[in-house]
C-alpha atoms as a PDB file:
ATOM      1  CA  MET A   1      -4.903   3.374  -2.725  1.00  0.00           C
ATOM      2  CA  LEU A   2      -1.127   4.112  -2.917  1.00  0.00           C
ATOM      3  CA  PRO A   3       0.934   3.550  -0.267  1.00  0.00           C
ATOM      4  CA  GLY A   4       4.588   5.079   0.072  1.00  0.00           C
ATOM      5  CA  ALA A   5       7.824   4.869   1.761  1.00  0.00           C
ATOM      6  CA  SER A   6      10.446   7.473   3.194  1.00  0.00           C
ATOM      7  CA  LEU A   7      13.974   8.058   2.370  1.00  0.00           C
ATOM      8  CA  GLY A   8      13.804   6.872  -1.224  1.00  0.00           C
ATOM      9  CA  ARG A   9      14.250   3.344  -0.176  1.00  0.00           C
ATOM     10  CA  LEU A  10      13.210   0.565  -2.817  1.00  0.00           C
ATOM     11  CA  HIS A  11       9.674   0.428  -2.834  1.00  0.00           C
ATOM     12  CA  ALA A  12       6.755  -0.549  -5.010  1.00  0.00           C
ATOM     13  CA  LYS A  13       3.972   1.921  -6.172  1.00  0.00           C
ATOM     14  CA  THR A  14       0.198  -0.182  -5.863  1.00  0.00           C
ATOM     15  CA  ALA A  15      -3.097   0.382  -6.823  1.00  0.00           C
ATOM     16  CA  VAL A  16      -6.271  -1.043  -6.840  1.00  0.00           C
ATOM     17  CA  ILE A  17      -9.083  -0.109  -9.357  1.00  0.00           C
ATOM     18  CA  ASN A  18     -12.212  -1.084  -9.203  1.00  0.00           C
ATOM     19  CA  GLN A  19     -11.833  -3.783  -6.797  1.00  0.00           C
ATOM     20  CA  ALA A  20     -10.707  -5.819  -9.764  1.00  0.00           C
ATOM     21  CA  MET A  21      -7.662  -4.549 -11.364  1.00  0.00           C
ATOM     22  CA  VAL A  22      -4.308  -4.125  -9.832  1.00  0.00           C
ATOM     23  CA  TYR A  23      -0.722  -1.954 -10.533  1.00  0.00           C
ATOM     24  CA  ILE A  24       2.166  -2.859  -8.929  1.00  0.00           C
ATOM     25  CA  GLY A  25       5.799  -1.126 -10.028  1.00  0.00           C
ATOM     26  CA  SER A  26       8.268   1.456  -9.481  1.00  0.00           C
ATOM     27  CA  VAL A  27       7.078   4.039 -11.884  1.00  0.00           C
ATOM     28  CA  ASN A  28       6.884   7.460 -10.245  1.00  0.00           C
ATOM     29  CA  LEU A  29       4.731  10.474 -11.799  1.00  0.00           C
ATOM     30  CA  ASP A  30       7.575  12.453 -12.504  1.00  0.00           C
ATOM     31  CA  PRO A  31       9.635  13.534 -15.421  1.00  0.00           C
ATOM     32  CA  ARG A  32      12.778  11.613 -14.257  1.00  0.00           C
ATOM     33  CA  SER A  33      10.902   8.192 -14.063  1.00  0.00           C
ATOM     34  CA  GLU A  34       9.486   9.102 -17.649  1.00  0.00           C
ATOM     35  CA  SER A  35      12.953   9.819 -19.238  1.00  0.00           C
ATOM     36  CA  THR A  36      15.609   9.078 -17.443  1.00  0.00           C
ATOM     37  CA  ASN A  37      14.884   5.995 -14.673  1.00  0.00           C
ATOM     38  CA  THR A  38      14.270   2.167 -15.501  1.00  0.00           C
ATOM     39  CA  GLU A  39      10.890   1.588 -14.079  1.00  0.00           C
ATOM     40  CA  LEU A  40       8.521  -1.076 -14.707  1.00  0.00           C
ATOM     41  CA  GLY A  41       4.902  -1.640 -13.995  1.00  0.00           C
ATOM     42  CA  LEU A  42       2.195  -4.484 -14.302  1.00  0.00           C
ATOM     43  CA  PHE A  43      -1.399  -4.466 -14.370  1.00  0.00           C
ATOM     44  CA  ALA A  44      -3.355  -7.475 -13.613  1.00  0.00           C
ATOM     45  CA  ARG A  45      -7.376  -8.201 -13.787  1.00  0.00           C
ATOM     46  CA  CYS A  46      -7.676 -10.326 -11.126  1.00  0.00           C
ATOM     47  CA  PRO A  47     -10.023  -9.684  -8.475  1.00  0.00           C
ATOM     48  CA  GLU A  48      -8.779 -12.180  -5.557  1.00  0.00           C
ATOM     49  CA  LEU A  49      -5.040 -10.330  -6.214  1.00  0.00           C
ATOM     50  CA  ALA A  50      -6.840  -7.011  -6.118  1.00  0.00           C
ATOM     51  CA  LYS A  51      -8.642  -7.839  -2.434  1.00  0.00           C
ATOM     52  CA  GLU A  52      -4.936  -9.344  -1.196  1.00  0.00           C
ATOM     53  CA  VAL A  53      -3.511  -5.873  -2.403  1.00  0.00           C
ATOM     54  CA  ILE A  54      -6.417  -3.992  -0.571  1.00  0.00           C
ATOM     55  CA  ARG A  55      -5.448  -6.294   2.634  1.00  0.00           C
ATOM     56  CA  VAL A  56      -2.072  -5.378   2.797  1.00  0.00           C
ATOM     57  CA  ILE A  57      -2.205  -1.720   1.837  1.00  0.00           C
ATOM     58  CA  ASN A  58      -4.353  -1.487   5.097  1.00  0.00           C
ATOM     59  CA  ILE A  59      -2.242  -3.038   7.352  1.00  0.00           C
ATOM     60  CA  SER A  60       0.973  -1.465   5.993  1.00  0.00           C
ATOM     61  CA  LYS A  61      -0.958   2.069   6.114  1.00  0.00           C
ATOM     62  CA  LEU A  62      -1.090   1.436   9.991  1.00  0.00           C
ATOM     63  CA  GLN A  63       2.349  -0.050  10.696  1.00  0.00           C
ATOM     64  CA  SER A  64       4.801   1.758   8.333  1.00  0.00           C
ATOM     65  CA  SER A  65       3.234   4.640   6.018  1.00  0.00           C
ATOM     66  CA  TYR A  66       2.747   8.373   6.243  1.00  0.00           C
ATOM     67  CA  ARG A  67       0.018  10.124   4.639  1.00  0.00           C
ATOM     68  CA  LEU A  68       1.178  13.539   3.030  1.00  0.00           C
ATOM     69  CA  ARG A  69      -0.463  16.934   3.276  1.00  0.00           C
ATOM     70  CA  PHE A  70      -0.021  20.539   3.128  1.00  0.00           C
ATOM     71  CA  ALA A  71      -0.025  22.329   6.510  1.00  0.00           C
ATOM     72  CA  PRO A  72      -2.391  24.843   7.642  1.00  0.00           C
ATOM     73  CA  ASP A  73      -0.239  27.516   6.037  1.00  0.00           C
ATOM     74  CA  GLY A  74      -0.789  25.885   2.438  1.00  0.00           C
ATOM     75  CA  GLN A  75       2.898  26.121   1.809  1.00  0.00           C
ATOM     76  CA  THR A  76       4.745  23.584   4.278  1.00  0.00           C
ATOM     77  CA  LEU A  77       4.271  19.748   4.471  1.00  0.00           C
ATOM     78  CA  GLU A  78       2.719  17.504   7.318  1.00  0.00           C
ATOM     79  CA  TRP A  79       3.529  13.859   7.657  1.00  0.00           C
ATOM     80  CA  LEU A  80       0.708  11.881   9.337  1.00  0.00           C
ATOM     81  CA  ALA A  81       1.093   8.751  11.121  1.00  0.00           C
ATOM     82  CA  ILE A  82      -0.926   6.342  13.308  1.00  0.00           C
ATOM     83  CA  ASP A  83       0.351   4.918  16.582  1.00  0.00           C
ATOM     84  CA  ASP A  84      -1.044   3.277  19.621  1.00  0.00           C
ATOM     85  CA  GLN A  85      -2.699   6.920  20.809  1.00  0.00           C
ATOM     86  CA  GLY A  86      -4.120   7.655  17.295  1.00  0.00           C
ATOM     87  CA  GLU A  87      -2.857  10.218  14.582  1.00  0.00           C
ATOM     88  CA  VAL A  88       0.347  12.095  14.753  1.00  0.00           C
ATOM     89  CA  VAL A  89       1.149  15.027  13.204  1.00  0.00           C
ATOM     90  CA  LEU A  90       4.998  15.543  12.260  1.00  0.00           C
ATOM     91  CA  ALA A  91       6.406  18.924  10.825  1.00  0.00           C
ATOM     92  CA  GLN A  92       9.643  17.273   9.229  1.00  0.00           C
ATOM     93  CA  GLU A  93      10.090  13.968   7.324  1.00  0.00           C
ATOM     94  CA  PRO A  94      10.510  11.140   9.462  1.00  0.00           C
ATOM     95  CA  GLU A  95      13.378   8.915   9.734  1.00  0.00           C
ATOM     96  CA  VAL A  96      15.457  11.873   8.009  1.00  0.00           C
ATOM     97  CA  THR A  97      18.848  12.950  10.262  1.00  0.00           C
ATOM     98  CA  PRO A  98      19.935  16.173  10.484  1.00  0.00           C
ATOM     99  CA  LEU A  99      23.198  15.379   8.445  1.00  0.00           C
ATOM    100  CA  MET A 100      20.706  14.070   5.759  1.00  0.00           C
ATOM    101  CA  ARG A 101      18.722  17.255   5.956  1.00  0.00           C
ATOM    102  CA  LEU A 102      22.288  19.336   5.644  1.00  0.00           C
ATOM    103  CA  GLN A 103      23.335  17.203   2.779  1.00  0.00           C
ATOM    104  CA  ASN A 104      19.864  17.826   0.812  1.00  0.00           C
ATOM    105  CA  MET A 105      20.480  21.732   1.711  1.00  0.00           C
ATOM    106  CA  PHE A 106      23.586  21.462  -0.080  1.00  0.00           C
ATOM    107  CA  LEU A 107      22.973  19.369  -2.934  1.00  0.00           C
ATOM    108  CA  ALA A 108      19.766  20.920  -3.728  1.00  0.00           C
ATOM    109  CA  PRO A 109      21.115  23.591  -6.044  1.00  0.00           C
ATOM    110  CA  PHE A 110      22.750  21.125  -8.272  1.00  0.00           C
ATOM    111  CA  VAL A 111      19.825  19.074  -9.249  1.00  0.00           C
ATOM    112  CA  PRO A 112      18.104  20.043 -12.411  1.00  0.00           C
ATOM    113  CA  GLU A 113      14.482  21.048 -11.857  1.00  0.00           C
ATOM    114  CA  GLN A 114      13.142  18.806 -14.379  1.00  0.00           C
ATOM    115  CA  LEU A 115      14.818  15.668 -12.574  1.00  0.00           C
ATOM    116  CA  LEU A 116      12.840  16.607  -9.340  1.00  0.00           C
END
């Protein structure tokens, strides 16, 4: 189980393995995190902590996280959230302003592919 956040905010990556092992950290699975960023992570074998992390993840999924998937075209992304009426499908990254999209469009050519 891995919750996420949008907008590049500071957030933790959390995983529970076999209801007993917990990982909490900041490491992304990308080359920049491996070679450039200062990242930390902690593994703990603690079933009580694992149960609590699962509970927090389940609450977070309902309140403040998005599930990401490919759209039917297989190329673009969709963000899925849950509100009072059920699942909501968004075609653009939530909480990103038009100014932020414009900024990303102009800066993207200057960011080396290996740092994405």
